[in-house]
Amino acid sequence: MKQNEITQLSDADLKSRIGLFEEQLGKMKLSHRVTPMENPMQIRTLRKSIARLKTELNKRNAQA
């Protein structure tokens, strides 16, 4: 996700997306251990997206 997309999301949307992405990340890691993925860079991009979402959520909580 792009940063400008993330800033437009509400707090509830951020929390739901974090949960969804973390679930996907767990499934991707497990499937990659069993049978190597064709494009393992997807794991890295998903992990970075989760970090961006969490950073935005923490920034909003610090301002409140």
N, C-alpha and C. Protein backbone atom coordinates (compact mmCIF):
# COMPACT_ATOMS: atom_id res chain seq x y z
N MET A 1 0.84 -1.18 0.00
CA MET A 1 0.00 0.00 0.00
C MET A 1 0.88 1.24 0.00
N LYS A 2 0.41 2.25 -0.66
CA LYS A 2 1.11 3.53 -0.70
C LYS A 2 0.79 4.33 0.56
N GLN A 3 1.71 5.20 0.95
CA GLN A 3 1.54 5.98 2.16
C GLN A 3 0.32 6.89 2.09
N ASN A 4 0.07 7.49 0.91
CA ASN A 4 -1.08 8.39 0.81
C ASN A 4 -2.40 7.63 0.92
N GLU A 5 -2.44 6.36 0.54
CA GLU A 5 -3.62 5.53 0.74
C GLU A 5 -3.84 5.25 2.22
N ILE A 6 -2.75 5.00 2.92
CA ILE A 6 -2.81 4.66 4.33
C ILE A 6 -3.31 5.84 5.16
N THR A 7 -2.86 7.04 4.84
CA THR A 7 -3.26 8.21 5.62
C THR A 7 -4.75 8.51 5.48
N GLN A 8 -5.37 8.04 4.42
CA GLN A 8 -6.79 8.30 4.20
C GLN A 8 -7.69 7.30 4.92
N LEU A 9 -7.13 6.23 5.45
CA LEU A 9 -7.92 5.21 6.14
C LEU A 9 -8.29 5.66 7.56
N SER A 10 -9.41 5.16 8.05
CA SER A 10 -9.80 5.44 9.43
C SER A 10 -9.05 4.50 10.37
N ASP A 11 -9.13 4.78 11.66
CA ASP A 11 -8.45 3.94 12.65
C ASP A 11 -8.97 2.50 12.61
N ALA A 12 -10.27 2.34 12.48
CA ALA A 12 -10.85 1.01 12.43
C ALA A 12 -10.37 0.25 11.20
N ASP A 13 -10.28 0.95 10.07
CA ASP A 13 -9.78 0.32 8.85
C ASP A 13 -8.32 -0.10 9.00
N LEU A 14 -7.54 0.75 9.64
CA LEU A 14 -6.13 0.41 9.87
C LEU A 14 -6.01 -0.87 10.70
N LYS A 15 -6.78 -0.94 11.77
CA LYS A 15 -6.71 -2.12 12.64
C LYS A 15 -7.17 -3.38 11.92
N SER A 16 -8.22 -3.27 11.11
CA SER A 16 -8.71 -4.45 10.40
C SER A 16 -7.72 -4.89 9.33
N ARG A 17 -7.11 -3.93 8.65
CA ARG A 17 -6.12 -4.28 7.62
C ARG A 17 -4.88 -4.91 8.24
N ILE A 18 -4.46 -4.40 9.40
CA ILE A 18 -3.30 -4.98 10.09
C ILE A 18 -3.59 -6.44 10.41
N GLY A 19 -4.77 -6.71 10.96
CA GLY A 19 -5.13 -8.08 11.29
C GLY A 19 -5.18 -8.97 10.06
N LEU A 20 -5.76 -8.47 9.00
CA LEU A 20 -5.87 -9.23 7.76
C LEU A 20 -4.49 -9.53 7.17
N PHE A 21 -3.64 -8.50 7.12
CA PHE A 21 -2.31 -8.67 6.54
C PHE A 21 -1.44 -9.60 7.39
N GLU A 22 -1.57 -9.52 8.71
CA GLU A 22 -0.78 -10.41 9.58
C GLU A 22 -1.21 -11.86 9.39
N GLU A 23 -2.51 -12.06 9.20
CA GLU A 23 -3.01 -13.42 8.93
C GLU A 23 -2.46 -13.93 7.60
N GLN A 24 -2.48 -13.08 6.58
CA GLN A 24 -1.94 -13.47 5.28
C GLN A 24 -0.44 -13.77 5.37
N LEU A 25 0.28 -12.97 6.15
CA LEU A 25 1.71 -13.17 6.30
C LEU A 25 2.01 -14.52 6.95
N GLY A 26 1.25 -14.86 7.96
CA GLY A 26 1.44 -16.16 8.61
C GLY A 26 1.21 -17.31 7.63
N LYS A 27 0.17 -17.21 6.83
CA LYS A 27 -0.12 -18.25 5.85
C LYS A 27 0.97 -18.33 4.78
N MET A 28 1.45 -17.16 4.35
CA MET A 28 2.51 -17.14 3.33
C MET A 28 3.79 -17.76 3.86
N LYS A 29 4.15 -17.45 5.10
CA LYS A 29 5.37 -18.00 5.69
C LYS A 29 5.27 -19.52 5.81
N LEU A 30 4.11 -20.00 6.24
CA LEU A 30 3.92 -21.44 6.39
C LEU A 30 4.00 -22.14 5.04
N SER A 31 3.31 -21.60 4.05
CA SER A 31 3.33 -22.23 2.73
C SER A 31 4.72 -22.16 2.11
N HIS A 32 5.48 -21.11 2.42
CA HIS A 32 6.84 -21.00 1.88
C HIS A 32 7.77 -22.03 2.52
N ARG A 33 7.52 -22.36 3.77
CA ARG A 33 8.34 -23.39 4.43
C ARG A 33 8.06 -24.76 3.84
N VAL A 34 6.79 -25.02 3.53
CA VAL A 34 6.41 -26.33 3.02
C VAL A 34 6.89 -26.49 1.58
N THR A 35 6.49 -25.57 0.72
CA THR A 35 6.94 -25.57 -0.66
C THR A 35 7.39 -24.16 -1.00
N PRO A 36 8.62 -23.99 -1.43
CA PRO A 36 9.11 -22.64 -1.72
C PRO A 36 8.22 -21.88 -2.71
N MET A 37 7.99 -20.62 -2.38
CA MET A 37 7.14 -19.78 -3.22
C MET A 37 7.89 -19.40 -4.49
N GLU A 38 7.13 -19.11 -5.53
CA GLU A 38 7.73 -18.68 -6.78
C GLU A 38 8.34 -17.29 -6.63
N ASN A 39 7.66 -16.41 -5.85
CA ASN A 39 8.15 -15.06 -5.64
C ASN A 39 8.17 -14.77 -4.13
N PRO A 40 9.26 -15.10 -3.43
CA PRO A 40 9.32 -14.88 -1.99
C PRO A 40 9.38 -13.41 -1.59
N MET A 41 9.57 -12.50 -2.56
CA MET A 41 9.59 -11.07 -2.26
C MET A 41 8.22 -10.59 -1.79
N GLN A 42 7.17 -11.35 -2.06
CA GLN A 42 5.83 -10.99 -1.59
C GLN A 42 5.79 -10.93 -0.07
N ILE A 43 6.54 -11.80 0.58
CA ILE A 43 6.59 -11.82 2.04
C ILE A 43 7.16 -10.50 2.54
N ARG A 44 8.23 -10.03 1.91
CA ARG A 44 8.86 -8.79 2.33
C ARG A 44 7.94 -7.59 2.13
N THR A 45 7.27 -7.53 0.98
CA THR A 45 6.39 -6.39 0.72
C THR A 45 5.20 -6.38 1.68
N LEU A 46 4.68 -7.56 2.01
CA LEU A 46 3.57 -7.63 2.95
C LEU A 46 4.02 -7.21 4.35
N ARG A 47 5.21 -7.64 4.73
CA ARG A 47 5.75 -7.26 6.04
C ARG A 47 5.95 -5.74 6.13
N LYS A 48 6.42 -5.14 5.04
CA LYS A 48 6.62 -3.69 5.03
C LYS A 48 5.29 -2.95 5.06
N SER A 49 4.28 -3.49 4.40
CA SER A 49 2.95 -2.87 4.43
C SER A 49 2.39 -2.88 5.85
N ILE A 50 2.58 -3.99 6.56
CA ILE A 50 2.13 -4.07 7.95
C ILE A 50 2.86 -3.03 8.80
N ALA A 51 4.14 -2.87 8.57
CA ALA A 51 4.92 -1.88 9.33
C ALA A 51 4.42 -0.47 9.05
N ARG A 52 4.09 -0.18 7.80
CA ARG A 52 3.58 1.15 7.46
C ARG A 52 2.24 1.41 8.15
N LEU A 53 1.37 0.40 8.16
CA LEU A 53 0.07 0.55 8.81
C LEU A 53 0.24 0.78 10.32
N LYS A 54 1.11 -0.01 10.94
CA LYS A 54 1.32 0.13 12.38
C LYS A 54 1.94 1.48 12.72
N THR A 55 2.84 1.96 11.87
CA THR A 55 3.46 3.26 12.10
C THR A 55 2.42 4.37 12.05
N GLU A 56 1.54 4.32 11.08
CA GLU A 56 0.49 5.33 10.97
C GLU A 56 -0.44 5.28 12.18
N LEU A 57 -0.80 4.08 12.63
CA LEU A 57 -1.67 3.93 13.79
C LEU A 57 -0.99 4.48 15.04
N ASN A 58 0.29 4.18 15.23
CA ASN A 58 1.03 4.69 16.38
C ASN A 58 1.15 6.21 16.32
N LYS A 59 1.35 6.75 15.14
CA LYS A 59 1.46 8.20 14.99
C LYS A 59 0.16 8.87 15.38
N ARG A 60 -0.96 8.29 14.98
CA ARG A 60 -2.27 8.86 15.33
C ARG A 60 -2.53 8.76 16.83
N ASN A 61 -2.13 7.63 17.44
CA ASN A 61 -2.34 7.47 18.88
C ASN A 61 -1.48 8.45 19.67
N ALA A 62 -0.29 8.76 19.17
CA ALA A 62 0.59 9.70 19.86
C ALA A 62 0.03 11.13 19.80
N GLN A 63 -0.64 11.45 18.72
CA GLN A 63 -1.22 12.78 18.57
C GLN A 63 -2.45 12.98 19.44
N ALA A 64 -3.16 11.89 19.71
CA ALA A 64 -4.41 12.00 20.48
C ALA A 64 -4.16 12.18 21.95
